[in-house]
Protein backbone atom coordinates (compact mmCIF):
# COMPACT_ATOMS: atom_id res chain seq x y z
CA MET A 1 -48.39 8.63 -12.18
CA THR A 2 -49.91 10.07 -15.40
CA LEU A 3 -48.96 13.64 -16.20
CA PRO A 4 -50.89 15.89 -18.59
CA ALA A 5 -49.34 16.54 -22.01
CA PRO A 6 -46.93 19.49 -21.99
CA LYS A 7 -47.89 22.64 -23.89
CA ILE A 8 -45.86 24.59 -26.45
CA LEU A 9 -46.69 28.15 -27.45
CA VAL A 10 -45.74 29.26 -30.96
CA VAL A 11 -45.77 33.04 -31.46
CA ASP A 12 -45.57 34.36 -35.02
CA ASP A 13 -47.48 37.06 -36.88
CA THR A 14 -47.32 35.14 -40.17
CA PRO A 15 -50.10 32.53 -40.56
CA ALA A 16 -48.02 30.39 -42.92
CA ASN A 17 -45.27 30.11 -40.31
CA LEU A 18 -47.82 29.03 -37.69
CA VAL A 19 -49.12 26.32 -40.00
CA ALA A 20 -45.59 25.13 -40.73
CA MET A 21 -44.74 24.99 -37.02
CA ARG A 22 -47.96 23.09 -36.32
CA HIS A 23 -46.97 20.39 -38.77
CA LEU A 24 -43.37 20.20 -37.52
CA LEU A 25 -44.53 19.78 -33.91
CA ALA A 26 -47.42 17.41 -34.60
CA ASP A 27 -45.51 14.36 -33.39
CA SER A 28 -43.82 16.03 -30.41
CA GLY A 29 -46.35 14.71 -27.90
CA ALA A 30 -47.19 18.25 -26.79
CA GLU A 31 -50.26 20.43 -27.16
CA VAL A 32 -49.41 23.22 -29.61
CA HIS A 33 -50.95 26.62 -28.93
CA GLU A 34 -50.61 29.53 -31.34
CA ALA A 35 -50.53 33.30 -30.94
CA SER A 36 -50.24 35.81 -33.76
CA SER A 37 -49.13 38.79 -31.66
CA GLY A 38 -47.21 39.63 -28.55
CA ASN A 39 -50.32 40.71 -26.66
CA ALA A 40 -52.11 37.47 -27.52
CA ALA A 41 -49.06 35.50 -26.38
CA LEU A 42 -48.96 37.28 -23.02
CA ALA A 43 -52.66 36.65 -22.47
CA MET A 44 -52.23 32.95 -23.22
CA CYS A 45 -49.27 32.72 -20.85
CA LEU A 46 -51.47 33.91 -18.01
CA ASP A 47 -53.97 31.11 -18.63
CA ASN A 48 -51.58 28.25 -19.38
CA GLU A 49 -48.36 26.68 -18.18
CA PHE A 50 -46.09 26.26 -21.17
CA ALA A 51 -43.17 23.87 -21.34
CA LEU A 52 -41.60 25.97 -24.12
CA ILE A 53 -42.26 29.17 -26.05
CA LEU A 54 -41.12 29.47 -29.67
CA LEU A 55 -41.08 33.22 -30.14
CA ASP A 56 -40.67 35.12 -33.39
CA VAL A 57 -38.42 38.12 -32.92
CA ASN A 58 -39.73 40.35 -35.71
CA MET A 59 -43.38 41.20 -35.06
CA PRO A 60 -45.25 44.49 -35.43
CA GLU A 61 -46.42 46.51 -32.41
CA MET A 62 -44.56 44.34 -29.87
CA ASP A 63 -41.49 42.43 -30.95
CA GLY A 64 -40.18 39.23 -29.44
CA PHE A 65 -37.71 41.03 -27.20
CA GLU A 66 -40.51 43.01 -25.53
CA VAL A 67 -42.62 39.89 -25.09
CA ALA A 68 -39.69 38.04 -23.50
CA PHE A 69 -39.01 41.00 -21.22
CA LEU A 70 -42.60 41.10 -19.97
CA ILE A 71 -42.64 37.33 -19.45
CA GLY A 72 -39.46 37.63 -17.41
CA GLU A 73 -41.06 40.32 -15.25
CA ASP A 74 -43.84 37.95 -14.13
CA GLU A 75 -42.75 35.70 -11.25
CA ARG A 76 -45.05 32.88 -12.41
CA LEU A 77 -43.70 32.94 -15.99
CA ARG A 78 -40.04 33.88 -15.73
CA ASP A 79 -38.81 30.26 -15.65
CA THR A 80 -40.57 29.35 -18.90
CA PRO A 81 -37.86 28.59 -21.52
CA ILE A 82 -37.99 30.78 -24.65
CA ILE A 83 -36.42 29.92 -28.01
CA PHE A 84 -36.22 32.89 -30.35
CA VAL A 85 -37.00 32.16 -33.97
CA THR A 86 -35.34 34.78 -36.14
CA ALA A 87 -33.74 35.44 -39.49
CA ALA A 88 -31.18 37.63 -37.72
CA TYR A 89 -29.42 34.73 -35.95
CA ALA A 90 -26.07 35.76 -37.42
CA ASP A 91 -26.41 39.17 -35.87
CA ASP A 92 -24.35 38.94 -32.67
CA ILE A 93 -25.90 42.09 -31.24
CA ASN A 94 -29.44 40.72 -31.59
CA ARG A 95 -28.36 37.37 -30.21
CA VAL A 96 -26.82 38.93 -27.12
CA ARG A 97 -29.88 41.10 -26.74
CA GLY A 98 -32.09 38.02 -26.88
CA TYR A 99 -30.11 36.23 -24.21
CA HIS A 100 -30.36 39.35 -22.07
CA PHE A 101 -34.16 39.20 -22.32
CA GLY A 102 -34.29 35.55 -21.28
CA ALA A 103 -33.83 33.47 -24.40
CA VAL A 104 -32.39 30.03 -23.77
CA ASP A 105 -31.67 29.34 -27.44
CA TYR A 106 -32.04 30.56 -31.02
CA ILE A 107 -33.38 28.89 -34.15
CA ALA A 108 -32.58 30.58 -37.42
CA LYS A 109 -34.97 31.04 -40.30
CA PRO A 110 -35.43 29.27 -42.62
CA ILE A 111 -36.08 26.58 -40.03
CA ASN A 112 -34.26 23.29 -40.22
CA ASP A 113 -36.81 20.62 -39.33
CA MET A 114 -34.35 18.32 -37.60
CA ILE A 115 -32.79 21.09 -35.53
CA LEU A 116 -36.18 22.39 -34.43
CA GLN A 117 -37.51 18.98 -33.50
CA SER A 118 -34.30 18.02 -31.70
CA LYS A 119 -34.24 21.17 -29.59
CA VAL A 120 -37.94 20.94 -28.80
CA ARG A 121 -37.50 17.31 -27.75
CA VAL A 122 -34.73 18.29 -25.31
CA PHE A 123 -36.84 20.99 -23.65
CA LEU A 124 -39.91 18.74 -23.45
CA GLU A 125 -37.85 16.03 -21.77
CA LEU A 126 -36.55 18.57 -19.28
CA TYR A 127 -40.09 19.78 -18.64
CA ARG A 128 -41.40 16.25 -18.14
CA ALA A 129 -38.54 15.46 -15.76
CA ARG A 130 -39.29 18.60 -13.73
CA ALA A 131 -43.00 17.87 -13.77
CA GLU A 132 -42.42 14.29 -12.58
CA LEU A 133 -40.11 15.53 -9.84
CA LYS A 134 -42.66 18.15 -8.80
CA ALA A 135 -45.43 15.55 -8.75
CA THR A 136 -43.25 13.14 -6.78
CA LEU A 137 -42.35 15.84 -4.27
CA GLY A 138 -46.03 16.70 -3.99
CA GLU A 139 -46.89 13.07 -3.28
CA LEU A 140 -44.07 12.86 -0.74
CA GLU A 141 -45.26 16.04 0.95
CA GLU A 142 -48.82 14.73 1.04
CA ARG A 143 -47.64 11.42 2.45
CA ASN A 144 -45.49 13.25 4.97
CA GLU A 145 -48.52 15.26 6.08
CA GLN A 146 -50.48 12.01 6.40
CA LEU A 147 -47.68 10.47 8.46
CA ASN A 148 -47.53 13.55 10.69
CA THR A 149 -51.29 13.35 11.15
CA GLU A 150 -51.05 9.64 11.97
CA ILE A 151 -48.18 10.25 14.40
CA ALA A 152 -50.09 13.07 16.09
CA GLU A 153 -53.18 10.87 16.37
CA ARG A 154 -51.10 7.98 17.75
CA ARG A 155 -49.51 10.29 20.32
CA ARG A 156 -52.93 11.64 21.25
CA ILE A 157 -54.23 8.10 21.75
CA GLU A 158 -51.15 7.11 23.74
CA ALA A 159 -51.52 10.22 25.92
CA GLN A 160 -55.19 9.40 26.38
CA ILE A 161 -54.35 5.83 27.38
CA ARG A 162 -51.69 7.05 29.82
CA HIS A 163 -54.15 9.55 31.25
CA GLN A 164 -56.85 6.90 31.62
CA ALA A 165 -54.36 4.60 33.35
CA THR A 166 -53.53 7.22 35.96
CA HIS A 167 -56.79 9.16 36.33
CA ASP A 168 -60.25 8.45 37.62
CA MET A 169 -62.69 8.06 34.72
CA LEU A 170 -65.56 9.82 36.49
CA THR A 171 -63.95 12.89 38.02
CA GLY A 172 -60.74 13.18 35.99
CA LEU A 173 -58.72 13.33 39.24
CA PRO A 174 -55.53 11.32 39.74
CA ASN A 175 -56.36 7.75 40.72
CA ARG A 176 -54.73 5.58 43.36
CA THR A 177 -51.74 4.75 41.12
CA LEU A 178 -50.87 8.37 40.36
CA PHE A 179 -51.61 9.34 43.96
CA HIS A 180 -48.90 6.96 45.17
CA ASP A 181 -46.44 8.32 42.60
CA ARG A 182 -47.15 11.89 43.70
CA LEU A 183 -46.82 10.89 47.34
CA VAL A 184 -43.39 9.29 46.81
CA THR A 185 -42.29 12.31 44.77
CA ALA A 186 -43.32 14.63 47.60
CA MET A 187 -41.32 12.53 50.08
CA GLN A 188 -38.24 12.68 47.87
CA ARG A 189 -38.49 16.41 47.27
CA VAL A 190 -38.93 17.66 50.82
CA PRO A 191 -35.37 17.04 52.15
CA ARG A 192 -33.96 19.21 49.35
CA HIS A 193 -36.61 21.93 49.21
CA GLY A 194 -37.49 22.91 52.73
CA PRO A 195 -41.05 22.83 54.17
CA GLY A 196 -42.74 19.48 54.58
CA PHE A 197 -46.09 18.29 53.33
CA ALA A 198 -49.22 16.72 54.74
CA LEU A 199 -51.56 13.96 53.63
CA ALA A 200 -55.32 14.31 54.16
CA MET A 201 -57.68 11.34 53.70
CA LEU A 202 -61.38 12.16 53.19
CA ASP A 203 -64.62 10.20 53.33
CA ILE A 204 -67.90 11.80 52.30
CA ASP A 205 -70.52 11.52 55.07
CA GLY A 206 -73.99 10.82 53.68
CA PHE A 207 -72.92 9.83 50.19
CA LYS A 208 -74.45 6.33 50.37
CA ALA A 209 -77.88 7.78 51.19
CA VAL A 210 -77.76 10.02 48.12
CA ASN A 211 -76.73 7.11 45.94
CA ASP A 212 -79.42 4.79 47.34
CA ASN A 213 -82.30 7.28 47.41
CA HIS A 214 -81.68 9.21 44.19
CA GLY A 215 -79.79 6.77 41.94
CA HIS A 216 -76.25 6.21 40.79
CA PRO A 217 -76.31 9.04 38.20
CA ALA A 218 -77.07 11.47 41.01
CA GLY A 219 -74.27 9.92 43.08
CA ASP A 220 -71.86 10.32 40.16
CA ALA A 221 -72.89 13.95 39.72
CA LEU A 222 -72.28 14.51 43.43
CA LEU A 223 -68.80 12.99 43.23
CA LYS A 224 -67.92 15.23 40.29
CA ALA A 225 -69.16 18.29 42.16
CA ILE A 226 -67.08 17.31 45.19
CA ALA A 227 -64.02 16.89 42.99
CA GLU A 228 -64.51 20.40 41.59
CA ARG A 229 -64.83 21.90 45.06
CA LEU A 230 -61.69 20.12 46.23
CA GLY A 231 -59.85 21.52 43.22
CA ASP A 232 -61.06 25.00 44.09
CA GLN A 233 -59.82 24.62 47.67
CA THR A 234 -56.28 23.50 46.77
CA ARG A 235 -53.29 25.05 45.04
CA ALA A 236 -51.78 24.10 41.70
CA ASN A 237 -48.90 22.22 43.34
CA ASP A 238 -51.21 20.21 45.63
CA THR A 239 -52.70 16.89 44.56
CA VAL A 240 -56.37 15.95 44.75
CA ALA A 241 -56.99 12.24 44.12
CA ARG A 242 -59.98 9.94 44.15
CA LEU A 243 -59.00 6.61 45.65
CA GLY A 244 -62.34 4.92 45.01
CA GLY A 245 -66.00 5.24 45.95
CA ASP A 246 -66.42 8.34 48.10
CA GLU A 247 -62.82 8.26 49.31
CA PHE A 248 -60.52 11.14 48.37
CA ALA A 249 -56.97 12.13 49.29
CA LEU A 250 -55.12 15.45 49.35
CA ILE A 251 -51.36 15.90 49.22
CA LEU A 252 -50.84 19.38 50.65
CA GLU A 253 -47.42 20.77 49.78
CA ASP A 254 -45.24 23.25 51.71
CA VAL A 255 -46.85 22.70 55.09
CA ALA A 256 -44.93 24.19 58.01
CA ASP A 257 -47.58 25.14 60.57
CA ASP A 258 -50.03 22.74 62.29
CA ALA A 259 -52.53 25.49 63.06
CA LEU A 260 -52.62 26.71 59.45
CA LEU A 261 -53.05 23.12 58.28
CA MET A 262 -56.01 22.53 60.56
CA ARG A 263 -57.53 25.82 59.44
CA LYS A 264 -57.14 24.72 55.81
CA CYS A 265 -58.81 21.39 56.56
CA ALA A 266 -61.69 23.22 58.20
CA GLU A 267 -62.08 25.37 55.07
CA VAL A 268 -62.14 22.26 52.87
CA GLY A 269 -64.75 20.67 55.13
CA ALA A 270 -66.89 23.80 55.05
CA ALA A 271 -66.73 23.99 51.25
CA LEU A 272 -67.74 20.34 50.90
CA GLY A 273 -70.59 20.86 53.35
CA GLU A 274 -72.33 23.45 51.17
CA PRO A 275 -75.57 22.20 49.48
CA TYR A 276 -75.42 20.45 46.09
CA PRO A 277 -78.35 21.09 43.69
CA LEU A 278 -78.68 17.82 41.73
CA GLU A 279 -81.02 15.86 39.49
CA GLY A 280 -82.19 12.49 40.82
CA ARG A 281 -84.44 9.68 39.71
CA HIS A 282 -87.43 11.54 41.19
CA GLY A 283 -86.44 14.96 39.86
CA PRO A 284 -84.35 17.88 41.20
CA PHE A 285 -83.17 17.75 44.79
CA VAL A 286 -80.52 19.28 47.04
CA ALA A 287 -77.91 16.98 48.54
CA ASN A 288 -76.42 17.82 51.90
CA VAL A 289 -73.28 15.89 52.80
CA SER A 290 -70.15 16.51 54.82
CA ALA A 291 -66.59 15.25 55.01
CA SER A 292 -64.61 13.40 57.63
CA ILE A 293 -60.93 14.23 57.25
CA GLY A 294 -57.83 12.65 58.74
CA VAL A 295 -54.56 14.54 58.39
CA ALA A 296 -50.98 13.38 58.90
CA ILE A 297 -47.80 15.40 58.46
CA TRP A 298 -44.84 13.54 57.00
CA LYS A 299 -42.22 13.18 59.71
CA GLY A 300 -39.15 12.57 57.59
CA ASP A 301 -37.01 9.74 56.24
CA GLY A 302 -37.93 7.36 59.03
CA GLN A 303 -41.55 7.21 57.81
CA SER A 304 -42.54 5.31 54.66
CA ASP A 305 -45.40 6.20 52.33
CA GLU A 306 -47.50 3.36 53.76
CA ASP A 307 -46.76 4.56 57.30
CA LEU A 308 -47.99 8.02 56.34
CA ILE A 309 -51.16 6.66 54.69
CA GLN A 310 -51.97 4.49 57.71
CA SER A 311 -51.41 7.44 60.04
CA ALA A 312 -53.84 9.61 58.03
CA ASP A 313 -56.32 6.70 57.83
CA ARG A 314 -56.29 6.25 61.62
CA ALA A 315 -56.99 9.96 62.01
CA LEU A 316 -59.84 9.63 59.49
CA TYR A 317 -61.41 6.75 61.43
CA GLN A 318 -61.13 8.79 64.58
CA ALA A 319 -62.96 11.67 62.86
CA LYS A 320 -65.74 9.33 61.78
CA ASP A 321 -65.97 7.67 65.22
CA SER A 322 -66.13 11.12 66.83
CA GLY A 323 -69.30 12.06 64.98
CA LYS A 324 -68.09 12.78 61.41
CA ASN A 325 -68.00 16.17 59.69
CA ARG A 326 -64.71 17.08 61.30
CA CYS A 327 -60.95 17.08 60.79
CA VAL A 328 -58.59 15.14 63.03
CA MET A 329 -54.80 15.40 62.92
CA ALA A 330 -52.68 12.35 63.57
CA PRO A 331 -50.30 12.63 66.54
């Protein structure tokens, strides 16, 4: 980690003093900037970050105390250390006044070379230490942001993998694995939370003809449209799953009335029977399909999930054997 050379500002209205300071600080390892007035010093402070300001107290127009006061008023500059350079060092009143305006130290004129260089060295070391710490903290913060980004990306990928493992790639609906989990959850919840639930198994009548005559992309588009209509026909707490091919399943929660359930199944069938404008291998066409639905109501603890599925399947086969495009409830 290479840091830029620190900067020192020397403020003195006497050119000879500026030259002398330049020579004394030549080997300090810092860039030496010079200002011959308080206004020039303030302007330079706005454009540079100084490790140390060596400020002459006695200057015309704006003395060192005023310059230090204005520096201390600026939030960006107030932490810059100021050493007053003055012939009035022995004057306790001026010294206290200087500390009040933000001086961290005094150097008396005539300047002792060793004292000046020693004090400057101390402040430059402090500045370098702070700069290294700031740079290190910046690197740590940047690395922390990178780690957070990597963690977020990893979590996104893991969530995507989990979603892909439990959802149908084509329609985005729960797949057979998640369907079984939802079914078992529904069975466990009912004894504690009142009304039962029903399972509906669906086959799409006429799907194979669409697939064969218009191509698999058209068949896929049809399946996605069916999935959307099933979602529109169910509530947020119900489950719509694609078990494979043109086979779908519905877990209908809070079912307490057989007549209402059959009416709901009829509504689902009617929605799925509406025309589907699609694009096929020979151009646009309208698909007309229907749904055969078998429904079974869970009968309680004596019935397993497989028992319930088989009961709904038998009702589905009965619906298909009876002419399709209908809903049959299991006894």
